[in-house]
Amino acid sequence: MTQLQFNANTPLYTSDERAWRIDQFEEALAQVYSANKPVVLFIHGRGKEPGKSLKGGTFTTGMAVHKIERGYDVRVLMFNWDSAFNGWNIFDREVPLSHTGAGAAAFGRALDALARAEDAHPTRPRPALVVHSMGSVVVQKAILNSHWPSRANLFSAVLFSQPDADDVGHIDWLGPLSLKESTYVTQNKDDHVLLRSRDARPVGRKALGLGTVEPIAEAAHYIDLSTMGSLGKKDDDHEVFGKGAMNGQLYVCEFFTQAIRGEAIGLDQMTNVEAIERGCVYRLRSRHQPSAPCLKLPTLPST
């Protein structure tokens, strides 16, 4: 199904499937900003990329780039890392994990280019950073290996969508990041993909996106989606930014819309928050309203 293959020389992609080198970052960024819409820098998770996020996947629907662009009326610049699993073993984490260090170094170079672009265009709205699943390990290593720039506020918001990084010790990297960026982490104890994501994970650890009793980063915002009910089609609950996965939950849709579009994010116990736990874990209130305009499903490209 997918013909696009990973190429370390061109780790950037726009939704038209054009590949870009990191030294073309500012040119690629100018292209996505030319539409006069909010811009998202997207880091995908595990899978055979960039084909999965641009053209669709074998085991999942994929098309994450189009779900974000068309679902939220934004433009996406995707960062591609070598995330393919071993052969047909869809549960393999060991091989893609072995490539996250190289991905982190390349992502650091992309962030340096972003910082230069923002210096050159100080009045341009900052992009949002959306990091999905195992892409969180790329960010983790970028921070721990000093690839993340020292400056703050590169992004309007940093959103970790169901992160696959280990929960144990995540405060060591998420803590410093959340002091520099407005950082949000979605969690859902019923995420069927993360519940199966155990390969090459040390005993006693689990995916951060399932929730955790470990120490948490107090400056971050953990968004608990665990009361959403059963979600969409099989495994849709993992790619929860896709509107088909939201089970008609209006407050979930509004949160993702605000974060992805760079708008002010409202988390209020008088409206959309049922409870706040541990100071920064926000359990969203249920409001089932599938007919709300926010939840309208985007039309995706035909495969």
C-alpha atoms as a PDB file:
ATOM      1  CA  MET A   1       0.000   0.000   0.000  1.00  0.00           C
ATOM      2  CA  THR A   2       2.733   2.481   0.930  1.00  0.00           C
ATOM      3  CA  GLN A   3       5.537   3.319  -1.460  1.00  0.00           C
ATOM      4  CA  LEU A   4       7.186   6.100   0.509  1.00  0.00           C
ATOM      5  CA  GLN A   5      10.301   4.852   2.294  1.00  0.00           C
ATOM      6  CA  PHE A   6      12.365   6.312   5.100  1.00  0.00           C
ATOM      7  CA  ASN A   7      15.308   8.380   3.884  1.00  0.00           C
ATOM      8  CA  ALA A   8      17.632   9.890   6.484  1.00  0.00           C
ATOM      9  CA  ASN A   9      18.582  12.649   4.047  1.00  0.00           C
ATOM     10  CA  THR A  10      14.999  13.926   3.829  1.00  0.00           C
ATOM     11  CA  PRO A  11      13.336  13.657   7.259  1.00  0.00           C
ATOM     12  CA  LEU A  12      10.750  16.367   6.594  1.00  0.00           C
ATOM     13  CA  TYR A  13       7.496  15.901   4.684  1.00  0.00           C
ATOM     14  CA  THR A  14       4.567  18.065   3.747  1.00  0.00           C
ATOM     15  CA  SER A  15       1.126  16.610   3.123  1.00  0.00           C
ATOM     16  CA  ASP A  16       1.678  16.683  -0.651  1.00  0.00           C
ATOM     17  CA  GLU A  17       4.269  13.920  -0.004  1.00  0.00           C
ATOM     18  CA  ARG A  18       7.161  16.212  -0.884  1.00  0.00           C
ATOM     19  CA  ALA A  19      10.356  15.320   0.989  1.00  0.00           C
ATOM     20  CA  TRP A  20      12.637  18.015   2.387  1.00  0.00           C
ATOM     21  CA  ARG A  21      16.162  18.059   3.786  1.00  0.00           C
ATOM     22  CA  ILE A  22      16.834  19.732   7.115  1.00  0.00           C
ATOM     23  CA  ASP A  23      18.816  22.451   5.327  1.00  0.00           C
ATOM     24  CA  GLN A  24      15.527  23.170   3.533  1.00  0.00           C
ATOM     25  CA  PHE A  25      13.624  23.514   6.807  1.00  0.00           C
ATOM     26  CA  GLU A  26      12.964  27.239   6.494  1.00  0.00           C
ATOM     27  CA  GLU A  27      11.762  26.785   2.909  1.00  0.00           C
ATOM     28  CA  ALA A  28       9.433  23.954   3.950  1.00  0.00           C
ATOM     29  CA  LEU A  29       8.158  25.993   6.871  1.00  0.00           C
ATOM     30  CA  ALA A  30       7.492  28.964   4.601  1.00  0.00           C
ATOM     31  CA  GLN A  31       5.421  26.685   2.347  1.00  0.00           C
ATOM     32  CA  VAL A  32       3.154  25.499   5.145  1.00  0.00           C
ATOM     33  CA  TYR A  33       2.782  29.031   6.530  1.00  0.00           C
ATOM     34  CA  SER A  34       1.833  30.336   3.076  1.00  0.00           C
ATOM     35  CA  ALA A  35      -1.675  28.909   3.527  1.00  0.00           C
ATOM     36  CA  ASN A  36      -2.302  31.431   6.350  1.00  0.00           C
ATOM     37  CA  LYS A  37      -3.415  28.683   8.700  1.00  0.00           C
ATOM     38  CA  PRO A  38      -2.020  27.477  12.038  1.00  0.00           C
ATOM     39  CA  VAL A  39       1.028  25.251  11.580  1.00  0.00           C
ATOM     40  CA  VAL A  40       1.837  21.942  13.281  1.00  0.00           C
ATOM     41  CA  LEU A  41       5.177  20.173  13.484  1.00  0.00           C
ATOM     42  CA  PHE A  42       4.254  16.498  13.805  1.00  0.00           C
ATOM     43  CA  ILE A  43       6.414  13.575  14.972  1.00  0.00           C
ATOM     44  CA  HIS A  44       4.869  10.207  14.154  1.00  0.00           C
ATOM     45  CA  GLY A  45       5.077   7.028  16.182  1.00  0.00           C
ATOM     46  CA  ARG A  46       6.098   3.455  15.365  1.00  0.00           C
ATOM     47  CA  GLY A  47       5.319   2.073  11.928  1.00  0.00           C
ATOM     48  CA  LYS A  48       6.431   2.011   8.324  1.00  0.00           C
ATOM     49  CA  GLU A  49       6.844   5.713   7.764  1.00  0.00           C
ATOM     50  CA  PRO A  50       6.495   8.150   6.124  1.00  0.00           C
ATOM     51  CA  GLY A  51       4.036   6.074   4.117  1.00  0.00           C
ATOM     52  CA  LYS A  52       1.758   5.261   7.047  1.00  0.00           C
ATOM     53  CA  SER A  53       1.078   8.884   8.001  1.00  0.00           C
ATOM     54  CA  LEU A  54       0.812  10.155   4.432  1.00  0.00           C
ATOM     55  CA  LYS A  55      -0.737   7.308   2.438  1.00  0.00           C
ATOM     56  CA  GLY A  56      -2.230   4.927   5.014  1.00  0.00           C
ATOM     57  CA  GLY A  57      -1.041   1.849   6.886  1.00  0.00           C
ATOM     58  CA  THR A  58      -1.389  -1.903   6.495  1.00  0.00           C
ATOM     59  CA  PHE A  59      -2.546  -2.643  10.051  1.00  0.00           C
ATOM     60  CA  THR A  60      -4.115   0.728  10.923  1.00  0.00           C
ATOM     61  CA  THR A  61      -5.838   3.450   8.945  1.00  0.00           C
ATOM     62  CA  GLY A  62      -2.904   5.811   9.410  1.00  0.00           C
ATOM     63  CA  MET A  63      -3.005   9.065   7.423  1.00  0.00           C
ATOM     64  CA  ALA A  64      -2.231  11.012  10.587  1.00  0.00           C
ATOM     65  CA  VAL A  65      -0.986  14.030   8.629  1.00  0.00           C
ATOM     66  CA  HIS A  66      -4.288  14.336   6.768  1.00  0.00           C
ATOM     67  CA  LYS A  67      -6.347  13.684   9.905  1.00  0.00           C
ATOM     68  CA  ILE A  68      -4.610  16.630  11.539  1.00  0.00           C
ATOM     69  CA  GLU A  69      -4.602  18.965   8.548  1.00  0.00           C
ATOM     70  CA  ARG A  70      -8.188  18.355   7.468  1.00  0.00           C
ATOM     71  CA  GLY A  71      -9.638  17.736  10.906  1.00  0.00           C
ATOM     72  CA  TYR A  72      -8.332  20.960  12.424  1.00  0.00           C
ATOM     73  CA  ASP A  73      -7.866  23.217   9.371  1.00  0.00           C
ATOM     74  CA  VAL A  74      -4.105  23.541   9.862  1.00  0.00           C
ATOM     75  CA  ARG A  75      -0.993  22.797   7.840  1.00  0.00           C
ATOM     76  CA  VAL A  76       1.443  20.073   8.899  1.00  0.00           C
ATOM     77  CA  LEU A  77       5.181  19.659   8.532  1.00  0.00           C
ATOM     78  CA  MET A  78       6.047  16.091   9.550  1.00  0.00           C
ATOM     79  CA  PHE A  79       9.372  14.979  11.010  1.00  0.00           C
ATOM     80  CA  ASN A  80      10.162  11.428   9.876  1.00  0.00           C
ATOM     81  CA  TRP A  81      12.423   9.045  11.801  1.00  0.00           C
ATOM     82  CA  ASP A  82      13.274   5.398  11.125  1.00  0.00           C
ATOM     83  CA  SER A  83      10.339   3.858  12.981  1.00  0.00           C
ATOM     84  CA  ALA A  84       9.646   0.640  11.061  1.00  0.00           C
ATOM     85  CA  PHE A  85       9.143  -2.538  13.066  1.00  0.00           C
ATOM     86  CA  ASN A  86      10.927  -5.778  12.225  1.00  0.00           C
ATOM     87  CA  GLY A  87       9.349  -7.478   9.205  1.00  0.00           C
ATOM     88  CA  TRP A  88       5.676  -8.219   9.868  1.00  0.00           C
ATOM     89  CA  ASN A  89       6.083  -8.256  13.656  1.00  0.00           C
ATOM     90  CA  ILE A  90       3.739  -5.420  14.549  1.00  0.00           C
ATOM     91  CA  PHE A  91       4.571  -5.823  18.255  1.00  0.00           C
ATOM     92  CA  ASP A  92       8.295  -5.223  17.715  1.00  0.00           C
ATOM     93  CA  ARG A  93       9.575  -2.200  19.638  1.00  0.00           C
ATOM     94  CA  GLU A  94      13.249  -3.159  19.798  1.00  0.00           C
ATOM     95  CA  VAL A  95      14.147  -2.226  16.220  1.00  0.00           C
ATOM     96  CA  PRO A  96      12.435   1.186  16.135  1.00  0.00           C
ATOM     97  CA  LEU A  97      13.761   1.961  19.630  1.00  0.00           C
ATOM     98  CA  SER A  98      17.284   1.373  18.341  1.00  0.00           C
ATOM     99  CA  HIS A  99      16.760   4.205  15.848  1.00  0.00           C
ATOM    100  CA  THR A 100      15.380   6.808  18.254  1.00  0.00           C
ATOM    101  CA  GLY A 101      18.839   8.161  19.107  1.00  0.00           C
ATOM    102  CA  ALA A 102      19.571   8.996  15.474  1.00  0.00           C
ATOM    103  CA  GLY A 103      16.073  10.422  15.165  1.00  0.00           C
ATOM    104  CA  ALA A 104      16.669  12.624  18.205  1.00  0.00           C
ATOM    105  CA  ALA A 105      19.895  14.031  16.759  1.00  0.00           C
ATOM    106  CA  ALA A 106      18.188  14.834  13.450  1.00  0.00           C
ATOM    107  CA  PHE A 107      15.219  16.334  15.266  1.00  0.00           C
ATOM    108  CA  GLY A 108      17.595  18.558  17.230  1.00  0.00           C
ATOM    109  CA  ARG A 109      18.945  19.930  13.953  1.00  0.00           C
ATOM    110  CA  ALA A 110      15.384  20.600  12.834  1.00  0.00           C
ATOM    111  CA  LEU A 111      14.707  22.468  16.085  1.00  0.00           C
ATOM    112  CA  ASP A 112      17.816  24.600  15.559  1.00  0.00           C
ATOM    113  CA  ALA A 113      16.472  25.463  12.102  1.00  0.00           C
ATOM    114  CA  LEU A 114      13.094  26.307  13.614  1.00  0.00           C
ATOM    115  CA  ALA A 115      14.751  28.645  16.102  1.00  0.00           C
ATOM    116  CA  ARG A 116      16.544  30.446  13.264  1.00  0.00           C
ATOM    117  CA  ALA A 117      13.299  30.727  11.305  1.00  0.00           C
ATOM    118  CA  GLU A 118      11.513  32.206  14.306  1.00  0.00           C
ATOM    119  CA  ASP A 119      14.313  34.734  14.799  1.00  0.00           C
ATOM    120  CA  ALA A 120      13.910  35.751  11.164  1.00  0.00           C
ATOM    121  CA  HIS A 121      10.100  36.010  11.452  1.00  0.00           C
ATOM    122  CA  PRO A 122       9.388  37.166  15.032  1.00  0.00           C
ATOM    123  CA  THR A 123       5.769  38.156  14.346  1.00  0.00           C
ATOM    124  CA  ARG A 124       4.777  34.856  12.757  1.00  0.00           C
ATOM    125  CA  PRO A 125       2.624  32.623  15.006  1.00  0.00           C
ATOM    126  CA  ARG A 126       4.586  29.788  16.556  1.00  0.00           C
ATOM    127  CA  PRO A 127       3.705  26.248  15.474  1.00  0.00           C
ATOM    128  CA  ALA A 128       2.309  23.588  17.759  1.00  0.00           C
ATOM    129  CA  LEU A 129       4.348  20.413  18.259  1.00  0.00           C
ATOM    130  CA  VAL A 130       2.309  17.198  18.202  1.00  0.00           C
ATOM    131  CA  VAL A 131       4.247  14.092  19.227  1.00  0.00           C
ATOM    132  CA  HIS A 132       2.518  10.751  18.807  1.00  0.00           C
ATOM    133  CA  SER A 133       3.222   7.483  20.616  1.00  0.00           C
ATOM    134  CA  MET A 134       6.862   6.324  20.222  1.00  0.00           C
ATOM    135  CA  GLY A 135       7.749   9.725  18.809  1.00  0.00           C
ATOM    136  CA  SER A 136       7.882  10.661  22.490  1.00  0.00           C
ATOM    137  CA  VAL A 137      11.063   8.573  22.836  1.00  0.00           C
ATOM    138  CA  VAL A 138      12.657  10.670  20.079  1.00  0.00           C
ATOM    139  CA  VAL A 139      11.829  13.821  22.043  1.00  0.00           C
ATOM    140  CA  GLN A 140      12.976  12.193  25.293  1.00  0.00           C
ATOM    141  CA  LYS A 141      16.394  11.454  23.809  1.00  0.00           C
ATOM    142  CA  ALA A 142      16.611  14.872  22.159  1.00  0.00           C
ATOM    143  CA  ILE A 143      16.260  16.434  25.610  1.00  0.00           C
ATOM    144  CA  LEU A 144      18.463  14.010  27.552  1.00  0.00           C
ATOM    145  CA  ASN A 145      21.192  14.072  24.875  1.00  0.00           C
ATOM    146  CA  SER A 146      21.233  17.896  24.735  1.00  0.00           C
ATOM    147  CA  HIS A 147      19.810  18.156  21.210  1.00  0.00           C
ATOM    148  CA  TRP A 148      16.960  20.432  22.308  1.00  0.00           C
ATOM    149  CA  PRO A 149      17.820  24.150  21.964  1.00  0.00           C
ATOM    150  CA  SER A 150      18.293  26.119  25.175  1.00  0.00           C
ATOM    151  CA  ARG A 151      15.693  28.735  24.281  1.00  0.00           C
ATOM    152  CA  ALA A 152      12.115  28.567  25.501  1.00  0.00           C
ATOM    153  CA  ASN A 153       8.752  28.985  23.789  1.00  0.00           C
ATOM    154  CA  LEU A 154       9.603  27.515  20.415  1.00  0.00           C
ATOM    155  CA  PHE A 155       6.030  26.249  20.221  1.00  0.00           C
ATOM    156  CA  SER A 156       2.550  27.480  21.031  1.00  0.00           C
ATOM    157  CA  ALA A 157       2.080  24.144  22.794  1.00  0.00           C
ATOM    158  CA  VAL A 158       3.751  20.742  22.947  1.00  0.00           C
ATOM    159  CA  LEU A 159       1.212  17.915  22.853  1.00  0.00           C
ATOM    160  CA  PHE A 160       2.195  14.312  23.545  1.00  0.00           C
ATOM    161  CA  SER A 161      -0.557  12.120  22.117  1.00  0.00           C
ATOM    162  CA  GLN A 162      -0.609   8.788  23.966  1.00  0.00           C
ATOM    163  CA  PRO A 163       3.182   8.646  24.556  1.00  0.00           C
ATOM    164  CA  ASP A 164       4.882   5.258  24.386  1.00  0.00           C
ATOM    165  CA  ALA A 165       7.907   6.422  26.412  1.00  0.00           C
ATOM    166  CA  ASP A 166       8.399   4.616  29.735  1.00  0.00           C
ATOM    167  CA  ASP A 167       6.509   6.091  32.651  1.00  0.00           C
ATOM    168  CA  VAL A 168       9.366   5.383  35.074  1.00  0.00           C
ATOM    169  CA  GLY A 169      11.770   8.308  35.092  1.00  0.00           C
ATOM    170  CA  HIS A 170       9.817  10.391  32.589  1.00  0.00           C
ATOM    171  CA  ILE A 171      10.049  13.375  34.932  1.00  0.00           C
ATOM    172  CA  ASP A 172      13.778  13.591  34.071  1.00  0.00           C
ATOM    173  CA  TRP A 173      13.007  14.814  30.571  1.00  0.00           C
ATOM    174  CA  LEU A 174       9.406  15.982  30.689  1.00  0.00           C
ATOM    175  CA  GLY A 175      10.126  18.145  33.724  1.00  0.00           C
ATOM    176  CA  PRO A 176      12.784  20.330  32.031  1.00  0.00           C
ATOM    177  CA  LEU A 177      10.709  20.521  28.852  1.00  0.00           C
ATOM    178  CA  SER A 178       7.576  21.657  30.674  1.00  0.00           C
ATOM    179  CA  LEU A 179       9.512  24.511  32.274  1.00  0.00           C
ATOM    180  CA  LYS A 180      10.277  25.853  28.780  1.00  0.00           C
ATOM    181  CA  GLU A 181       7.159  24.912  26.819  1.00  0.00           C
ATOM    182  CA  SER A 182       3.423  24.640  27.524  1.00  0.00           C
ATOM    183  CA  THR A 183       3.319  20.858  27.679  1.00  0.00           C
ATOM    184  CA  TYR A 184       0.341  18.489  27.560  1.00  0.00           C
ATOM    185  CA  VAL A 185       0.304  14.685  27.854  1.00  0.00           C
ATOM    186  CA  THR A 186      -2.774  12.614  27.035  1.00  0.00           C
ATOM    187  CA  GLN A 187      -3.359   9.409  28.973  1.00  0.00           C
ATOM    188  CA  ASN A 188      -5.915   6.639  28.588  1.00  0.00           C
ATOM    189  CA  LYS A 189      -5.699   3.458  30.638  1.00  0.00           C
ATOM    190  CA  ASP A 190      -7.821   1.704  27.985  1.00  0.00           C
ATOM    191  CA  ASP A 191      -5.474   2.410  25.053  1.00  0.00           C
ATOM    192  CA  HIS A 192      -5.368  -1.019  23.400  1.00  0.00           C
ATOM    193  CA  VAL A 193      -2.168  -0.354  21.445  1.00  0.00           C
ATOM    194  CA  LEU A 194      -0.211   0.782  24.495  1.00  0.00           C
ATOM    195  CA  LEU A 195      -1.542  -2.099  26.576  1.00  0.00           C
ATOM    196  CA  ARG A 196       0.130  -4.426  24.043  1.00  0.00           C
ATOM    197  CA  SER A 197       3.266  -2.283  23.801  1.00  0.00           C
ATOM    198  CA  ARG A 198       5.449  -4.400  26.080  1.00  0.00           C
ATOM    199  CA  ASP A 199       8.249  -5.625  23.825  1.00  0.00           C
ATOM    200  CA  ALA A 200      11.702  -4.336  24.880  1.00  0.00           C
ATOM    201  CA  ARG A 201      10.213  -2.568  27.895  1.00  0.00           C
ATOM    202  CA  PRO A 202      11.886  -3.181  31.270  1.00  0.00           C
ATOM    203  CA  VAL A 203       9.921  -5.043  33.916  1.00  0.00           C
ATOM    204  CA  GLY A 204       7.941  -2.685  36.127  1.00  0.00           C
ATOM    205  CA  ARG A 205       7.509  -0.027  33.461  1.00  0.00           C
ATOM    206  CA  LYS A 206       4.647   0.791  31.142  1.00  0.00           C
ATOM    207  CA  ALA A 207       3.806   3.370  28.509  1.00  0.00           C
ATOM    208  CA  LEU A 208       3.331   6.848  29.935  1.00  0.00           C
ATOM    209  CA  GLY A 209       0.163   7.183  27.853  1.00  0.00           C
ATOM    210  CA  LEU A 210      -1.562   4.614  30.069  1.00  0.00           C
ATOM    211  CA  GLY A 211      -1.178   6.830  33.133  1.00  0.00           C
ATOM    212  CA  THR A 212       1.306   6.454  35.956  1.00  0.00           C
ATOM    213  CA  VAL A 213       1.786   6.492  39.715  1.00  0.00           C
ATOM    214  CA  GLU A 214       5.397   7.575  39.206  1.00  0.00           C
ATOM    215  CA  PRO A 215       6.561  11.122  40.072  1.00  0.00           C
ATOM    216  CA  ILE A 216       5.149  13.583  37.555  1.00  0.00           C
ATOM    217  CA  ALA A 217       6.317  16.872  36.076  1.00  0.00           C
ATOM    218  CA  GLU A 218       4.414  19.486  38.057  1.00  0.00           C
ATOM    219  CA  ALA A 219       4.664  22.144  35.328  1.00  0.00           C
ATOM    220  CA  ALA A 220       3.109  19.822  32.732  1.00  0.00           C
ATOM    221  CA  HIS A 221      -0.581  19.119  32.146  1.00  0.00           C
ATOM    222  CA  TYR A 222      -1.625  15.460  32.060  1.00  0.00           C
ATOM    223  CA  ILE A 223      -4.981  15.032  30.311  1.00  0.00           C
ATOM    224  CA  ASP A 224      -6.828  11.905  31.467  1.00  0.00           C
ATOM    225  CA  LEU A 225      -9.115  10.548  28.747  1.00  0.00           C
ATOM    226  CA  SER A 226      -9.868   7.279  30.540  1.00  0.00           C
ATOM    227  CA  THR A 227     -13.556   8.008  31.068  1.00  0.00           C
ATOM    228  CA  MET A 228     -14.305   8.417  27.363  1.00  0.00           C
ATOM    229  CA  GLY A 229     -15.884   4.983  26.935  1.00  0.00           C
ATOM    230  CA  SER A 230     -15.168   2.545  24.125  1.00  0.00           C
ATOM    231  CA  LEU A 231     -13.659   4.323  21.170  1.00  0.00           C
ATOM    232  CA  GLY A 232     -14.357   4.029  17.477  1.00  0.00           C
ATOM    233  CA  LYS A 233     -12.907   1.211  15.443  1.00  0.00           C
ATOM    234  CA  LYS A 234     -10.203  -1.172  16.613  1.00  0.00           C
ATOM    235  CA  ASP A 235      -7.101   0.710  17.780  1.00  0.00           C
ATOM    236  CA  ASP A 236      -8.607   4.112  17.005  1.00  0.00           C
ATOM    237  CA  ASP A 237      -8.277   4.897  20.689  1.00  0.00           C
ATOM    238  CA  HIS A 238      -4.503   5.147  20.272  1.00  0.00           C
ATOM    239  CA  GLU A 239      -4.578   7.760  17.506  1.00  0.00           C
ATOM    240  CA  VAL A 240      -6.935   9.799  19.650  1.00  0.00           C
ATOM    241  CA  PHE A 241      -6.341  13.099  17.852  1.00  0.00           C
ATOM    242  CA  GLY A 242      -8.323  11.585  14.971  1.00  0.00           C
ATOM    243  CA  LYS A 243     -11.915  12.685  15.387  1.00  0.00           C
ATOM    244  CA  GLY A 244     -13.228   9.198  14.662  1.00  0.00           C
ATOM    245  CA  ALA A 245     -11.580   8.069  17.905  1.00  0.00           C
ATOM    246  CA  MET A 246     -13.255  10.596  20.189  1.00  0.00           C
ATOM    247  CA  ASN A 247     -16.494   8.674  20.767  1.00  0.00           C
ATOM    248  CA  GLY A 248     -18.503  11.858  20.303  1.00  0.00           C
ATOM    249  CA  GLN A 249     -16.853  13.524  23.295  1.00  0.00           C
ATOM    250  CA  LEU A 250     -17.074  17.283  22.784  1.00  0.00           C
ATOM    251  CA  TYR A 251     -14.620  18.323  25.489  1.00  0.00           C
ATOM    252  CA  VAL A 252     -11.991  15.970  24.118  1.00  0.00           C
ATOM    253  CA  CYS A 253     -12.429  17.476  20.662  1.00  0.00           C
ATOM    254  CA  GLU A 254     -12.266  21.022  22.005  1.00  0.00           C
ATOM    255  CA  PHE A 255      -9.053  20.281  23.900  1.00  0.00           C
ATOM    256  CA  PHE A 256      -7.310  18.866  20.838  1.00  0.00           C
ATOM    257  CA  THR A 257      -8.572  21.705  18.685  1.00  0.00           C
ATOM    258  CA  GLN A 258      -7.179  24.325  21.038  1.00  0.00           C
ATOM    259  CA  ALA A 259      -3.815  22.584  21.439  1.00  0.00           C
ATOM    260  CA  ILE A 260      -3.317  21.820  17.750  1.00  0.00           C
ATOM    261  CA  ARG A 261      -4.422  25.232  16.508  1.00  0.00           C
ATOM    262  CA  GLY A 262      -2.315  27.168  19.006  1.00  0.00           C
ATOM    263  CA  GLU A 263      -5.309  28.597  20.847  1.00  0.00           C
ATOM    264  CA  ALA A 264      -5.696  29.220  24.566  1.00  0.00           C
ATOM    265  CA  ILE A 265      -6.361  25.867  26.233  1.00  0.00           C
ATOM    266  CA  GLY A 266      -9.208  25.886  28.726  1.00  0.00           C
ATOM    267  CA  LEU A 267      -9.112  23.418  31.614  1.00  0.00           C
ATOM    268  CA  ASP A 268     -11.772  24.434  34.119  1.00  0.00           C
ATOM    269  CA  GLN A 269     -13.623  22.434  36.771  1.00  0.00           C
ATOM    270  CA  MET A 270     -16.648  24.646  36.180  1.00  0.00           C
ATOM    271  CA  THR A 271     -16.952  23.409  32.609  1.00  0.00           C
ATOM    272  CA  ASN A 272     -14.832  20.667  31.036  1.00  0.00           C
ATOM    273  CA  VAL A 273     -12.803  19.151  33.897  1.00  0.00           C
ATOM    274  CA  GLU A 274     -14.341  16.575  36.205  1.00  0.00           C
ATOM    275  CA  ALA A 275     -11.435  16.399  38.631  1.00  0.00           C
ATOM    276  CA  ILE A 276      -7.828  17.497  39.089  1.00  0.00           C
ATOM    277  CA  GLU A 277      -5.574  14.895  40.667  1.00  0.00           C
ATOM    278  CA  ARG A 278      -2.008  15.232  41.910  1.00  0.00           C
ATOM    279  CA  GLY A 279      -2.127  18.921  41.064  1.00  0.00           C
ATOM    280  CA  CYS A 280      -1.749  18.617  37.299  1.00  0.00           C
ATOM    281  CA  VAL A 281      -3.685  15.546  36.108  1.00  0.00           C
ATOM    282  CA  TYR A 282      -6.907  16.775  34.541  1.00  0.00           C
ATOM    283  CA  ARG A 283      -9.692  14.246  34.053  1.00  0.00           C
ATOM    284  CA  LEU A 284     -11.952  15.584  31.336  1.00  0.00           C
ATOM    285  CA  ARG A 285     -15.685  15.614  31.953  1.00  0.00           C
ATOM    286  CA  SER A 286     -17.871  13.503  29.679  1.00  0.00           C
ATOM    287  CA  ARG A 287     -20.084  15.385  27.256  1.00  0.00           C
ATOM    288  CA  HIS A 288     -21.343  13.150  24.494  1.00  0.00           C
ATOM    289  CA  GLN A 289     -22.374  15.400  21.626  1.00  0.00           C
ATOM    290  CA  PRO A 290     -21.398  13.654  18.368  1.00  0.00           C
ATOM    291  CA  SER A 291     -23.366  16.124  16.232  1.00  0.00           C
ATOM    292  CA  ALA A 292     -21.253  19.076  17.388  1.00  0.00           C
ATOM    293  CA  PRO A 293     -19.431  20.810  14.509  1.00  0.00           C
ATOM    294  CA  CYS A 294     -16.112  20.211  16.272  1.00  0.00           C
ATOM    295  CA  LEU A 295     -16.562  16.451  15.846  1.00  0.00           C
ATOM    296  CA  LYS A 296     -17.281  16.450  12.123  1.00  0.00           C
ATOM    297  CA  LEU A 297     -15.119  13.791  10.491  1.00  0.00           C
ATOM    298  CA  PRO A 298     -12.750  15.089   7.801  1.00  0.00           C
ATOM    299  CA  THR A 299     -12.744  13.567   4.341  1.00  0.00           C
ATOM    300  CA  LEU A 300      -9.406  11.796   3.912  1.00  0.00           C
ATOM    301  CA  PRO A 301      -7.600  11.151   0.612  1.00  0.00           C
ATOM    302  CA  SER A 302      -8.614   7.926  -1.099  1.00  0.00           C
ATOM    303  CA  THR A 303      -6.053   5.134  -0.884  1.00  0.00           C
END
